[in-house]
Amino acid sequence: MKLKIISPICGNIEYDADTVRLLAPDGYVGIHEGCAPMLVALVESDVVYTQGDKTLSVAITDGFAEVTPHRVNVFADRR
């Protein structure tokens, strides 16, 4: 799936990801290919994603994420 970080200050960047973990106000949300569509409020944290056997992260501020079956769009500034 595609993970896209959309930031008005830092621009947009896109990654290939097998899984994505986001921190919402109520706890972590795990996302994988084919996940049900949803909108998720985000708190300042690291967006953690996997590519094969590698685990990577991107630090973000508060924002929200749009999840579709094949894409995660994160609307937040990068820290």
C-alpha atoms as a PDB file:
ATOM      1  CA  MET A   1       0.000   0.000   0.000  1.00  0.00           C
ATOM      2  CA  LYS A   2       1.047   3.639  -0.253  1.00  0.00           C
ATOM      3  CA  LEU A   3       1.670   5.899   2.749  1.00  0.00           C
ATOM      4  CA  LYS A   4       1.610   9.599   1.919  1.00  0.00           C
ATOM      5  CA  ILE A   5       2.522  12.339   4.401  1.00  0.00           C
ATOM      6  CA  ILE A   6       0.895  15.592   3.272  1.00  0.00           C
ATOM      7  CA  SER A   7       2.337  18.665   4.975  1.00  0.00           C
ATOM      8  CA  PRO A   8       1.659  22.311   4.120  1.00  0.00           C
ATOM      9  CA  ILE A   9       5.108  23.307   5.411  1.00  0.00           C
ATOM     10  CA  CYS A  10       7.327  20.337   4.454  1.00  0.00           C
ATOM     11  CA  GLY A  11       5.600  19.264   1.248  1.00  0.00           C
ATOM     12  CA  ASN A  12       4.428  15.774   0.348  1.00  0.00           C
ATOM     13  CA  ILE A  13       6.345  12.527   0.546  1.00  0.00           C
ATOM     14  CA  GLU A  14       5.192   9.015  -0.347  1.00  0.00           C
ATOM     15  CA  TYR A  15       6.404   5.629   0.893  1.00  0.00           C
ATOM     16  CA  ASP A  16       5.616   2.001   0.067  1.00  0.00           C
ATOM     17  CA  ALA A  17       4.394   0.243   3.209  1.00  0.00           C
ATOM     18  CA  ASP A  18       3.246  -3.231   4.198  1.00  0.00           C
ATOM     19  CA  THR A  19       1.658  -2.029   7.461  1.00  0.00           C
ATOM     20  CA  VAL A  20       1.136   1.359   9.120  1.00  0.00           C
ATOM     21  CA  ARG A  21       0.648   2.179  12.821  1.00  0.00           C
ATOM     22  CA  LEU A  22      -0.913   5.512  13.814  1.00  0.00           C
ATOM     23  CA  LEU A  23      -1.505   7.018  17.272  1.00  0.00           C
ATOM     24  CA  ALA A  24      -5.073   8.259  17.734  1.00  0.00           C
ATOM     25  CA  PRO A  25      -6.368   9.962  20.925  1.00  0.00           C
ATOM     26  CA  ASP A  26      -7.730   6.598  22.143  1.00  0.00           C
ATOM     27  CA  GLY A  27      -4.659   4.511  21.269  1.00  0.00           C
ATOM     28  CA  TYR A  28      -2.876   2.913  18.340  1.00  0.00           C
ATOM     29  CA  VAL A  29      -4.542   1.993  15.038  1.00  0.00           C
ATOM     30  CA  GLY A  30      -2.929  -0.720  12.917  1.00  0.00           C
ATOM     31  CA  ILE A  31      -3.550  -0.602   9.166  1.00  0.00           C
ATOM     32  CA  HIS A  32      -2.793  -3.177   6.491  1.00  0.00           C
ATOM     33  CA  GLU A  33      -3.543  -3.596   2.784  1.00  0.00           C
ATOM     34  CA  GLY A  34      -7.298  -3.969   2.210  1.00  0.00           C
ATOM     35  CA  CYS A  35      -8.275  -2.261   5.476  1.00  0.00           C
ATOM     36  CA  ALA A  36     -11.757  -0.717   5.690  1.00  0.00           C
ATOM     37  CA  PRO A  37     -11.947   3.000   4.802  1.00  0.00           C
ATOM     38  CA  MET A  38     -11.866   5.366   7.783  1.00  0.00           C
ATOM     39  CA  LEU A  39     -10.813   8.790   9.031  1.00  0.00           C
ATOM     40  CA  VAL A  40      -8.544   8.865  12.087  1.00  0.00           C
ATOM     41  CA  ALA A  41      -7.682  11.856  14.303  1.00  0.00           C
ATOM     42  CA  LEU A  42      -3.960  11.816  15.155  1.00  0.00           C
ATOM     43  CA  VAL A  43      -1.923  13.104  18.068  1.00  0.00           C
ATOM     44  CA  GLU A  44       1.737  14.133  17.923  1.00  0.00           C
ATOM     45  CA  SER A  45       3.714  10.921  17.528  1.00  0.00           C
ATOM     46  CA  ASP A  46       5.669   8.769  15.098  1.00  0.00           C
ATOM     47  CA  VAL A  47       3.894   7.161  12.148  1.00  0.00           C
ATOM     48  CA  VAL A  48       5.459   3.688  12.145  1.00  0.00           C
ATOM     49  CA  TYR A  49       5.433   1.630   8.955  1.00  0.00           C
ATOM     50  CA  THR A  50       7.020  -1.567   7.721  1.00  0.00           C
ATOM     51  CA  GLN A  51       8.686  -2.387   4.413  1.00  0.00           C
ATOM     52  CA  GLY A  52       9.446  -6.093   4.356  1.00  0.00           C
ATOM     53  CA  ASP A  53      11.552  -6.782   7.457  1.00  0.00           C
ATOM     54  CA  LYS A  54      12.392  -3.088   8.044  1.00  0.00           C
ATOM     55  CA  THR A  55      10.483  -0.890  10.516  1.00  0.00           C
ATOM     56  CA  LEU A  56      10.670   2.847   9.789  1.00  0.00           C
ATOM     57  CA  SER A  57       8.994   5.952  11.197  1.00  0.00           C
ATOM     58  CA  VAL A  58       8.146   9.569  10.466  1.00  0.00           C
ATOM     59  CA  ALA A  59       7.573  12.053  13.313  1.00  0.00           C
ATOM     60  CA  ILE A  60       4.396  14.153  12.919  1.00  0.00           C
ATOM     61  CA  THR A  61       2.384  16.785  14.758  1.00  0.00           C
ATOM     62  CA  ASP A  62      -1.374  16.547  15.400  1.00  0.00           C
ATOM     63  CA  GLY A  63      -3.459  15.925  12.303  1.00  0.00           C
ATOM     64  CA  PHE A  64      -5.654  13.295  10.736  1.00  0.00           C
ATOM     65  CA  ALA A  65      -5.387  10.336   8.402  1.00  0.00           C
ATOM     66  CA  GLU A  66      -7.590   9.149   5.560  1.00  0.00           C
ATOM     67  CA  VAL A  67      -7.430   5.363   5.178  1.00  0.00           C
ATOM     68  CA  THR A  68      -8.553   3.564   2.013  1.00  0.00           C
ATOM     69  CA  PRO A  69      -7.994  -0.111   1.131  1.00  0.00           C
ATOM     70  CA  HIS A  70      -4.725   0.655  -0.718  1.00  0.00           C
ATOM     71  CA  ARG A  71      -3.555   4.027   0.641  1.00  0.00           C
ATOM     72  CA  VAL A  72      -3.026   5.963   3.884  1.00  0.00           C
ATOM     73  CA  ASN A  73      -2.930   9.757   3.555  1.00  0.00           C
ATOM     74  CA  VAL A  74      -1.621  11.532   6.661  1.00  0.00           C
ATOM     75  CA  PHE A  75      -2.390  15.249   6.860  1.00  0.00           C
ATOM     76  CA  ALA A  76       0.048  16.697   9.426  1.00  0.00           C
ATOM     77  CA  ASP A  77       3.311  18.582   9.683  1.00  0.00           C
ATOM     78  CA  ARG A  78       6.493  16.587  10.092  1.00  0.00           C
ATOM     79  CA  ARG A  79       8.449  17.305  13.271  1.00  0.00           C
END
